[in-house]
PDB file of N, CA and C in Angstrom:
ATOM      1  N   UNK A   1      -5.827  30.238   1.175  1.00  0.00           N
ATOM      2  CA  UNK A   1      -4.771  29.267   1.392  1.00  0.00           C
ATOM      3  C   UNK A   1      -3.681  29.464   0.343  1.00  0.00           C
ATOM      4  N   UNK A   2      -2.449  29.232   0.740  1.00  0.00           N
ATOM      5  CA  UNK A   2      -1.337  29.469  -0.187  1.00  0.00           C
ATOM      6  C   UNK A   2      -1.174  28.368  -1.233  1.00  0.00           C
ATOM      7  N   UNK A   3      -0.562  28.761  -2.348  1.00  0.00           N
ATOM      8  CA  UNK A   3      -0.224  27.817  -3.410  1.00  0.00           C
ATOM      9  C   UNK A   3       1.234  27.430  -3.268  1.00  0.00           C
ATOM     10  N   UNK A   4       1.518  26.152  -3.439  1.00  0.00           N
ATOM     11  CA  UNK A   4       2.884  25.664  -3.410  1.00  0.00           C
ATOM     12  C   UNK A   4       3.203  25.015  -4.747  1.00  0.00           C
ATOM     13  N   UNK A   5       4.413  25.256  -5.229  1.00  0.00           N
ATOM     14  CA  UNK A   5       4.846  24.664  -6.488  1.00  0.00           C
ATOM     15  C   UNK A   5       5.812  23.526  -6.184  1.00  0.00           C
ATOM     16  N   UNK A   6       5.613  22.414  -6.849  1.00  0.00           N
ATOM     17  CA  UNK A   6       6.458  21.239  -6.693  1.00  0.00           C
ATOM     18  C   UNK A   6       7.020  20.841  -8.047  1.00  0.00           C
ATOM     19  N   UNK A   7       8.184  20.206  -8.028  1.00  0.00           N
ATOM     20  CA  UNK A   7       8.767  19.623  -9.233  1.00  0.00           C
ATOM     21  C   UNK A   7       9.324  18.247  -8.862  1.00  0.00           C
ATOM     22  N   UNK A   8       9.117  17.295  -9.775  1.00  0.00           N
ATOM     23  CA  UNK A   8       9.598  15.936  -9.551  1.00  0.00           C
ATOM     24  C   UNK A   8      11.085  15.875  -9.904  1.00  0.00           C
ATOM     25  N   UNK A   9      11.865  15.222  -9.060  1.00  0.00           N
ATOM     26  CA  UNK A   9      13.292  15.085  -9.309  1.00  0.00           C
ATOM     27  C   UNK A   9      13.579  14.091 -10.429  1.00  0.00           C
ATOM     28  N   UNK A  10      12.653  13.173 -10.687  1.00  0.00           N
ATOM     29  CA  UNK A  10      12.867  12.146 -11.715  1.00  0.00           C
ATOM     30  C   UNK A  10      12.380  12.587 -13.094  1.00  0.00           C
ATOM     31  N   UNK A  11      11.101  12.927 -13.210  1.00  0.00           N
ATOM     32  CA  UNK A  11      10.503  13.217 -14.520  1.00  0.00           C
ATOM     33  C   UNK A  11      10.351  14.708 -14.805  1.00  0.00           C
ATOM     34  N   UNK A  12      10.742  15.575 -13.874  1.00  0.00           N
ATOM     35  CA  UNK A  12      10.658  17.035 -14.007  1.00  0.00           C
ATOM     36  C   UNK A  12       9.224  17.552 -14.162  1.00  0.00           C
ATOM     37  N   UNK A  13       8.226  16.746 -13.742  1.00  0.00           N
ATOM     38  CA  UNK A  13       6.831  17.186 -13.767  1.00  0.00           C
ATOM     39  C   UNK A  13       6.678  18.345 -12.791  1.00  0.00           C
ATOM     40  N   UNK A  14       6.119  19.467 -13.272  1.00  0.00           N
ATOM     41  CA  UNK A  14       5.992  20.682 -12.478  1.00  0.00           C
ATOM     42  C   UNK A  14       4.511  20.986 -12.291  1.00  0.00           C
ATOM     43  N   UNK A  15       4.066  21.231 -11.049  1.00  0.00           N
ATOM     44  CA  UNK A  15       2.658  21.517 -10.775  1.00  0.00           C
ATOM     45  C   UNK A  15       2.521  22.336  -9.506  1.00  0.00           C
ATOM     46  N   UNK A  16       1.347  22.966  -9.358  1.00  0.00           N
ATOM     47  CA  UNK A  16       1.016  23.751  -8.178  1.00  0.00           C
ATOM     48  C   UNK A  16      -0.115  23.098  -7.413  1.00  0.00           C
ATOM     49  N   UNK A  17      -0.071  23.228  -6.091  1.00  0.00           N
ATOM     50  CA  UNK A  17      -1.093  22.656  -5.222  1.00  0.00           C
ATOM     51  C   UNK A  17      -1.481  23.707  -4.187  1.00  0.00           C
ATOM     52  N   UNK A  18      -2.775  23.859  -3.941  1.00  0.00           N
ATOM     53  CA  UNK A  18      -3.257  24.744  -2.876  1.00  0.00           C
ATOM     54  C   UNK A  18      -3.331  23.909  -1.605  1.00  0.00           C
ATOM     55  N   UNK A  19      -2.554  24.325  -0.603  1.00  0.00           N
ATOM     56  CA  UNK A  19      -2.481  23.580   0.655  1.00  0.00           C
ATOM     57  C   UNK A  19      -2.598  24.540   1.832  1.00  0.00           C
ATOM     58  N   UNK A  20      -3.082  24.010   2.921  1.00  0.00           N
ATOM     59  CA  UNK A  20      -3.122  24.753   4.166  1.00  0.00           C
ATOM     60  C   UNK A  20      -1.730  24.743   4.794  1.00  0.00           C
ATOM     61  N   UNK A  21      -1.478  25.681   5.682  1.00  0.00           N
ATOM     62  CA  UNK A  21      -0.200  25.685   6.393  1.00  0.00           C
ATOM     63  C   UNK A  21      -0.033  24.426   7.237  1.00  0.00           C
ATOM     64  N   UNK A  22      -1.134  23.860   7.694  1.00  0.00           N
ATOM     65  CA  UNK A  22      -1.089  22.681   8.552  1.00  0.00           C
ATOM     66  C   UNK A  22      -0.871  21.387   7.765  1.00  0.00           C
ATOM     67  N   UNK A  23      -1.101  21.409   6.434  1.00  0.00           N
ATOM     68  CA  UNK A  23      -0.923  20.198   5.618  1.00  0.00           C
ATOM     69  C   UNK A  23       0.547  19.828   5.504  1.00  0.00           C
ATOM     70  N   UNK A  24       0.791  18.507   5.455  1.00  0.00           N
ATOM     71  CA  UNK A  24       2.149  18.021   5.238  1.00  0.00           C
ATOM     72  C   UNK A  24       2.545  18.248   3.774  1.00  0.00           C
ATOM     73  N   UNK A  25       3.839  18.536   3.496  1.00  0.00           N
ATOM     74  CA  UNK A  25       4.264  18.715   2.116  1.00  0.00           C
ATOM     75  C   UNK A  25       4.174  17.400   1.331  1.00  0.00           C
ATOM     76  N   UNK A  26       3.923  17.525   0.036  1.00  0.00           N
ATOM     77  CA  UNK A  26       3.862  16.336  -0.813  1.00  0.00           C
ATOM     78  C   UNK A  26       5.264  15.785  -1.017  1.00  0.00           C
ATOM     79  N   UNK A  27       5.372  14.455  -1.126  1.00  0.00           N
ATOM     80  CA  UNK A  27       6.691  13.835  -1.269  1.00  0.00           C
ATOM     81  C   UNK A  27       6.787  12.910  -2.473  1.00  0.00           C
ATOM     82  N   UNK A  28       5.630  12.453  -3.025  1.00  0.00           N
ATOM     83  CA  UNK A  28       5.643  11.481  -4.115  1.00  0.00           C
ATOM     84  C   UNK A  28       4.939  12.070  -5.339  1.00  0.00           C
ATOM     85  N   UNK A  29       5.591  11.956  -6.504  1.00  0.00           N
ATOM     86  CA  UNK A  29       5.022  12.439  -7.759  1.00  0.00           C
ATOM     87  C   UNK A  29       3.856  11.544  -8.166  1.00  0.00           C
ATOM     88  N   UNK A  30       2.737  12.151  -8.564  1.00  0.00           N
ATOM     89  CA  UNK A  30       1.573  11.364  -8.961  1.00  0.00           C
ATOM     90  C   UNK A  30       1.721  10.807 -10.381  1.00  0.00           C
ATOM     91  N   UNK A  31       2.707  11.260 -11.142  1.00  0.00           N
ATOM     92  CA  UNK A  31       2.913  10.767 -12.504  1.00  0.00           C
ATOM     93  C   UNK A  31       3.862   9.571 -12.564  1.00  0.00           C
ATOM     94  N   UNK A  32       5.008   9.666 -11.878  1.00  0.00           N
ATOM     95  CA  UNK A  32       6.001   8.581 -11.983  1.00  0.00           C
ATOM     96  C   UNK A  32       6.343   7.930 -10.649  1.00  0.00           C
ATOM     97  N   UNK A  33       5.907   8.515  -9.543  1.00  0.00           N
ATOM     98  CA  UNK A  33       6.214   7.957  -8.223  1.00  0.00           C
ATOM     99  C   UNK A  33       7.561   8.417  -7.683  1.00  0.00           C
ATOM    100  N   UNK A  34       8.204   9.359  -8.384  1.00  0.00           N
ATOM    101  CA  UNK A  34       9.500   9.877  -7.940  1.00  0.00           C
ATOM    102  C   UNK A  34       9.364  10.846  -6.778  1.00  0.00           C
ATOM    103  N   UNK A  35      10.523  11.307  -6.319  1.00  0.00           N
ATOM    104  CA  UNK A  35      10.568  12.213  -5.172  1.00  0.00           C
ATOM    105  C   UNK A  35      10.316  13.645  -5.622  1.00  0.00           C
ATOM    106  N   UNK A  36       9.505  14.374  -4.840  1.00  0.00           N
ATOM    107  CA  UNK A  36       9.178  15.762  -5.140  1.00  0.00           C
ATOM    108  C   UNK A  36      10.025  16.705  -4.296  1.00  0.00           C
ATOM    109  N   UNK A  37      10.208  17.898  -4.831  1.00  0.00           N
ATOM    110  CA  UNK A  37      10.806  18.973  -4.026  1.00  0.00           C
ATOM    111  C   UNK A  37      10.010  20.243  -4.260  1.00  0.00           C
ATOM    112  N   UNK A  38       9.943  21.090  -3.240  1.00  0.00           N
ATOM    113  CA  UNK A  38       9.236  22.365  -3.346  1.00  0.00           C
ATOM    114  C   UNK A  38      10.098  23.342  -4.130  1.00  0.00           C
ATOM    115  N   UNK A  39       9.428  24.168  -4.938  1.00  0.00           N
ATOM    116  CA  UNK A  39      10.101  25.220  -5.680  1.00  0.00           C
ATOM    117  C   UNK A  39       9.795  26.528  -4.969  1.00  0.00           C
ATOM    118  N   UNK A  40      10.843  27.242  -4.585  1.00  0.00           N
ATOM    119  CA  UNK A  40      10.672  28.502  -3.885  1.00  0.00           C
ATOM    120  C   UNK A  40      10.934  29.642  -4.848  1.00  0.00           C
ATOM    121  N   UNK A  41      10.011  30.578  -4.905  1.00  0.00           N
ATOM    122  CA  UNK A  41      10.150  31.745  -5.770  1.00  0.00           C
ATOM    123  C   UNK A  41      10.080  33.008  -4.956  1.00  0.00           C
ATOM    124  N   UNK A  42       9.872  34.111  -5.639  1.00  0.00           N
ATOM    125  CA  UNK A  42       9.753  35.384  -4.933  1.00  0.00           C
ATOM    126  C   UNK A  42       8.412  35.443  -4.211  1.00  0.00           C
ATOM    127  N   UNK A  43       8.378  36.222  -3.161  1.00  0.00           N
ATOM    128  CA  UNK A  43       7.153  36.330  -2.384  1.00  0.00           C
ATOM    129  C   UNK A  43       6.170  37.249  -3.077  1.00  0.00           C
ATOM    130  N   UNK A  44       4.908  37.045  -2.860  1.00  0.00           N
ATOM    131  CA  UNK A  44       3.870  37.836  -3.504  1.00  0.00           C
ATOM    132  C   UNK A  44       3.384  38.978  -2.659  1.00  0.00           C
ATOM    133  N   UNK A  45       4.289  39.869  -2.262  1.00  0.00           N
ATOM    134  CA  UNK A  45       3.890  41.013  -1.446  1.00  0.00           C
ATOM    135  C   UNK A  45       4.501  42.273  -2.048  1.00  0.00           C
ATOM    136  N   UNK A  46       3.719  43.326  -2.110  1.00  0.00           N
ATOM    137  CA  UNK A  46       4.177  44.598  -2.648  1.00  0.00           C
ATOM    138  C   UNK A  46       3.757  45.705  -1.696  1.00  0.00           C
ATOM    139  N   UNK A  47       4.704  46.551  -1.322  1.00  0.00           N
ATOM    140  CA  UNK A  47       4.409  47.673  -0.450  1.00  0.00           C
ATOM    141  C   UNK A  47       4.099  48.884  -1.312  1.00  0.00           C
ATOM    142  N   UNK A  48       2.882  49.374  -1.229  1.00  0.00           N
ATOM    143  CA  UNK A  48       2.469  50.549  -1.988  1.00  0.00           C
ATOM    144  C   UNK A  48       1.820  51.550  -1.037  1.00  0.00           C
ATOM    145  N   UNK A  49       1.926  52.801  -1.380  1.00  0.00           N
ATOM    146  CA  UNK A  49       1.278  53.830  -0.583  1.00  0.00           C
ATOM    147  C   UNK A  49       2.168  54.367   0.509  1.00  0.00           C
ATOM    148  N   UNK A  50       1.604  55.229   1.322  1.00  0.00           N
ATOM    149  CA  UNK A  50       2.388  55.843   2.390  1.00  0.00           C
ATOM    150  C   UNK A  50       2.362  54.952   3.629  1.00  0.00           C
ATOM    151  N   UNK A  51       3.257  55.253   4.539  1.00  0.00           N
ATOM    152  CA  UNK A  51       3.316  54.517   5.793  1.00  0.00           C
ATOM    153  C   UNK A  51       4.438  53.506   5.855  1.00  0.00           C
ATOM    154  N   UNK A  52       5.269  53.428   4.816  1.00  0.00           N
ATOM    155  CA  UNK A  52       6.346  52.443   4.801  1.00  0.00           C
ATOM    156  C   UNK A  52       7.719  53.071   4.989  1.00  0.00           C
ATOM    157  N   UNK A  53       7.770  54.373   5.103  1.00  0.00           N
ATOM    158  CA  UNK A  53       9.023  55.059   5.279  1.00  0.00           C
ATOM    159  C   UNK A  53       9.010  55.802   6.597  1.00  0.00           C
ATOM    160  N   UNK A  54      10.173  56.111   7.124  1.00  0.00           N
ATOM    161  CA  UNK A  54      10.291  56.752   8.424  1.00  0.00           C
ATOM    162  C   UNK A  54       9.558  58.088   8.461  1.00  0.00           C
ATOM    163  N   UNK A  55       9.663  58.869   7.393  1.00  0.00           N
ATOM    164  CA  UNK A  55       9.026  60.184   7.403  1.00  0.00           C
ATOM    165  C   UNK A  55       7.533  60.113   7.117  1.00  0.00           C
ATOM    166  N   UNK A  56       7.008  59.009   6.626  1.00  0.00           N
ATOM    167  CA  UNK A  56       5.579  58.881   6.378  1.00  0.00           C
ATOM    168  C   UNK A  56       4.769  58.698   7.655  1.00  0.00           C
ATOM    169  N   UNK A  57       5.387  58.205   8.710  1.00  0.00           N
ATOM    170  CA  UNK A  57       4.644  57.929   9.934  1.00  0.00           C
ATOM    171  C   UNK A  57       4.515  59.165  10.816  1.00  0.00           C
ATOM    172  N   UNK A  58       5.203  60.223  10.457  1.00  0.00           N
ATOM    173  CA  UNK A  58       5.141  61.445  11.262  1.00  0.00           C
ATOM    174  C   UNK A  58       4.079  62.384  10.730  1.00  0.00           C
ATOM    175  N   UNK A  59       3.569  63.212  11.607  1.00  0.00           N
ATOM    176  CA  UNK A  59       2.588  64.208  11.163  1.00  0.00           C
ATOM    177  C   UNK A  59       3.309  65.352  10.450  1.00  0.00           C
ATOM    178  N   UNK A  60       2.590  66.074   9.613  1.00  0.00           N
ATOM    179  CA  UNK A  60       3.200  67.162   8.846  1.00  0.00           C
ATOM    180  C   UNK A  60       3.538  68.363   9.728  1.00  0.00           C
ATOM    181  N   UNK A  61       2.990  68.437  10.936  1.00  0.00           N
ATOM    182  CA  UNK A  61       3.265  69.561  11.835  1.00  0.00           C
ATOM    183  C   UNK A  61       4.482  69.313  12.713  1.00  0.00           C
ATOM    184  N   UNK A  62       5.243  68.290  12.437  1.00  0.00           N
ATOM    185  CA  UNK A  62       6.426  67.977  13.237  1.00  0.00           C
ATOM    186  C   UNK A  62       7.486  69.053  13.064  1.00  0.00           C
ATOM    187  N   UNK A  63       8.128  69.440  14.141  1.00  0.00           N
ATOM    188  CA  UNK A  63       9.122  70.509  14.075  1.00  0.00           C
ATOM    189  C   UNK A  63      10.473  69.993  13.580  1.00  0.00           C
ATOM    190  N   UNK A  64      10.710  68.669  13.611  1.00  0.00           N
ATOM    191  CA  UNK A  64      12.007  68.149  13.195  1.00  0.00           C
ATOM    192  C   UNK A  64      12.165  68.152  11.680  1.00  0.00           C
ATOM    193  N   UNK A  65      11.115  68.001  10.940  1.00  0.00           N
ATOM    194  CA  UNK A  65      11.218  67.951   9.479  1.00  0.00           C
ATOM    195  C   UNK A  65      11.644  69.296   8.885  1.00  0.00           C
ATOM    196  N   UNK A  66      10.992  70.435   9.205  1.00  0.00           N
ATOM    197  CA  UNK A  66      11.443  71.709   8.650  1.00  0.00           C
ATOM    198  C   UNK A  66      12.847  72.076   9.115  1.00  0.00           C
ATOM    199  N   UNK A  67      13.204  71.774  10.355  1.00  0.00           N
ATOM    200  CA  UNK A  67      14.530  72.105  10.854  1.00  0.00           C
ATOM    201  C   UNK A  67      15.587  71.319  10.097  1.00  0.00           C
ATOM    202  N   UNK A  68      15.324  70.082   9.766  1.00  0.00           N
ATOM    203  CA  UNK A  68      16.288  69.256   9.057  1.00  0.00           C
ATOM    204  C   UNK A  68      16.528  69.792   7.656  1.00  0.00           C
ATOM    205  N   UNK A  69      15.474  70.211   6.964  1.00  0.00           N
ATOM    206  CA  UNK A  69      15.644  70.731   5.608  1.00  0.00           C
ATOM    207  C   UNK A  69      16.326  72.097   5.629  1.00  0.00           C
ATOM    208  N   UNK A  70      16.062  72.925   6.642  1.00  0.00           N
ATOM    209  CA  UNK A  70      16.702  74.238   6.707  1.00  0.00           C
ATOM    210  C   UNK A  70      18.166  74.110   7.125  1.00  0.00           C
ATOM    211  N   UNK A  71      18.508  73.058   7.868  1.00  0.00           N
ATOM    212  CA  UNK A  71      19.903  72.839   8.257  1.00  0.00           C
ATOM    213  C   UNK A  71      20.759  72.485   7.045  1.00  0.00           C
ATOM    214  N   UNK A  72      20.187  71.825   6.066  1.00  0.00           N
ATOM    215  CA  UNK A  72      20.951  71.413   4.895  1.00  0.00           C
ATOM    216  C   UNK A  72      21.293  72.596   4.001  1.00  0.00           C
ATOM    217  N   UNK A  73      20.410  73.568   3.878  1.00  0.00           N
ATOM    218  CA  UNK A  73      20.637  74.692   2.974  1.00  0.00           C
ATOM    219  C   UNK A  73      21.828  75.550   3.402  1.00  0.00           C
ATOM    220  N   UNK A  74      21.963  75.962   4.670  1.00  0.00           N
ATOM    221  CA  UNK A  74      23.137  76.750   5.052  1.00  0.00           C
ATOM    222  C   UNK A  74      24.426  75.961   4.882  1.00  0.00           C
ATOM    223  N   UNK A  75      24.412  74.655   5.133  1.00  0.00           N
ATOM    224  CA  UNK A  75      25.615  73.845   4.971  1.00  0.00           C
ATOM    225  C   UNK A  75      26.024  73.827   3.509  1.00  0.00           C
ATOM    226  N   UNK A  76      25.046  73.723   2.608  1.00  0.00           N
ATOM    227  CA  UNK A  76      25.350  73.737   1.181  1.00  0.00           C
ATOM    228  C   UNK A  76      25.868  75.105   0.784  1.00  0.00           C
ATOM    229  N   UNK A  77      25.302  76.184   1.323  1.00  0.00           N
ATOM    230  CA  UNK A  77      25.740  77.538   1.007  1.00  0.00           C
ATOM    231  C   UNK A  77      27.154  77.760   1.505  1.00  0.00           C
ATOM    232  N   UNK A  78      27.460  77.252   2.681  1.00  0.00           N
ATOM    233  CA  UNK A  78      28.791  77.410   3.241  1.00  0.00           C
ATOM    234  C   UNK A  78      29.818  76.683   2.390  1.00  0.00           C
ATOM    235  N   UNK A  79      29.493  75.500   1.905  1.00  0.00           N
ATOM    236  CA  UNK A  79      30.434  74.755   1.077  1.00  0.00           C
ATOM    237  C   UNK A  79      30.595  75.407  -0.280  1.00  0.00           C
ATOM    238  N   UNK A  80      29.508  76.014  -0.797  1.00  0.00           N
ATOM    239  CA  UNK A  80      29.595  76.715  -2.075  1.00  0.00           C
ATOM    240  C   UNK A  80      30.451  77.964  -1.939  1.00  0.00           C
ATOM    241  N   UNK A  81      30.257  78.708  -0.849  1.00  0.00           N
ATOM    242  CA  UNK A  81      31.020  79.944  -0.670  1.00  0.00           C
ATOM    243  C   UNK A  81      32.490  79.626  -0.423  1.00  0.00           C
ATOM    244  N   UNK A  82      32.793  78.555   0.313  1.00  0.00           N
ATOM    245  CA  UNK A  82      34.194  78.190   0.531  1.00  0.00           C
ATOM    246  C   UNK A  82      34.796  77.634  -0.740  1.00  0.00           C
ATOM    247  N   UNK A  83      33.945  76.979  -1.569  1.00  0.00           N
ATOM    248  CA  UNK A  83      34.425  76.461  -2.833  1.00  0.00           C
ATOM    249  C   UNK A  83      34.714  77.593  -3.804  1.00  0.00           C
ATOM    250  N   UNK A  84      33.892  78.631  -3.823  1.00  0.00           N
ATOM    251  CA  UNK A  84      34.117  79.768  -4.718  1.00  0.00           C
ATOM    252  C   UNK A  84      35.228  80.654  -4.170  1.00  0.00           C
ATOM    253  N   UNK A  85      35.422  80.640  -2.858  1.00  0.00           N
ATOM    254  CA  UNK A  85      36.490  81.449  -2.245  1.00  0.00           C
ATOM    255  C   UNK A  85      37.855  80.813  -2.481  1.00  0.00           C
ATOM    256  N   UNK A  86      37.927  79.530  -2.626  1.00  0.00           N
ATOM    257  CA  UNK A  86      39.202  78.847  -2.826  1.00  0.00           C
ATOM    258  C   UNK A  86      39.874  79.247  -4.133  1.00  0.00           C
ATOM    259  N   UNK A  87      39.133  79.291  -5.273  1.00  0.00           N
ATOM    260  CA  UNK A  87      39.805  79.704  -6.517  1.00  0.00           C
ATOM    261  C   UNK A  87      40.279  81.151  -6.461  1.00  0.00           C
ATOM    262  N   UNK A  88      39.518  82.021  -5.793  1.00  0.00           N
ATOM    263  CA  UNK A  88      39.917  83.419  -5.669  1.00  0.00           C
ATOM    264  C   UNK A  88      41.169  83.519  -4.824  1.00  0.00           C
ATOM    265  N   UNK A  89      41.237  82.732  -3.741  1.00  0.00           N
ATOM    266  CA  UNK A  89      42.403  82.746  -2.881  1.00  0.00           C
ATOM    267  C   UNK A  89      43.594  82.128  -3.600  1.00  0.00           C
ATOM    268  N   UNK A  90      43.361  81.136  -4.449  1.00  0.00           N
ATOM    269  CA  UNK A  90      44.448  80.487  -5.168  1.00  0.00           C
ATOM    270  C   UNK A  90      44.997  81.405  -6.251  1.00  0.00           C
ATOM    271  N   UNK A  91      44.141  82.231  -6.877  1.00  0.00           N
ATOM    272  CA  UNK A  91      44.599  83.130  -7.932  1.00  0.00           C
ATOM    273  C   UNK A  91      45.306  84.355  -7.377  1.00  0.00           C
ATOM    274  N   UNK A  92      45.082  84.689  -6.097  1.00  0.00           N
ATOM    275  CA  UNK A  92      45.673  85.878  -5.507  1.00  0.00           C
ATOM    276  C   UNK A  92      47.075  85.678  -5.040  1.00  0.00           C
TER     277      UNK A  92
END
C-alpha cells in the first residue's frame, strides 16, 4: 500500500500515513484539528536495465541497425572531403 504525506495548514504538523487507494484522504489534523493537505513529491520509480529504449527492443540480427550505422559513415566522409576540398578550392 502506498504512503501519503500530509501537512497541517494551521500548525505545520507533517506526517506520513499508509493508506489504500480506496481510502478517503485525511482532512483533519490529529494534533490541532486544522485542515490537512497532501504533499506531492517525486514518484518512486526508476527505469534500469535494457528494454526502455527503442533499440533495446529489437533483436541484434536486425538488418536496419547495421545499415543505419553504415549510412552515417559515408555521409561523414563526404562532408569531411567537401570540407577539406573547400580550403583547397579557396586557395587556388
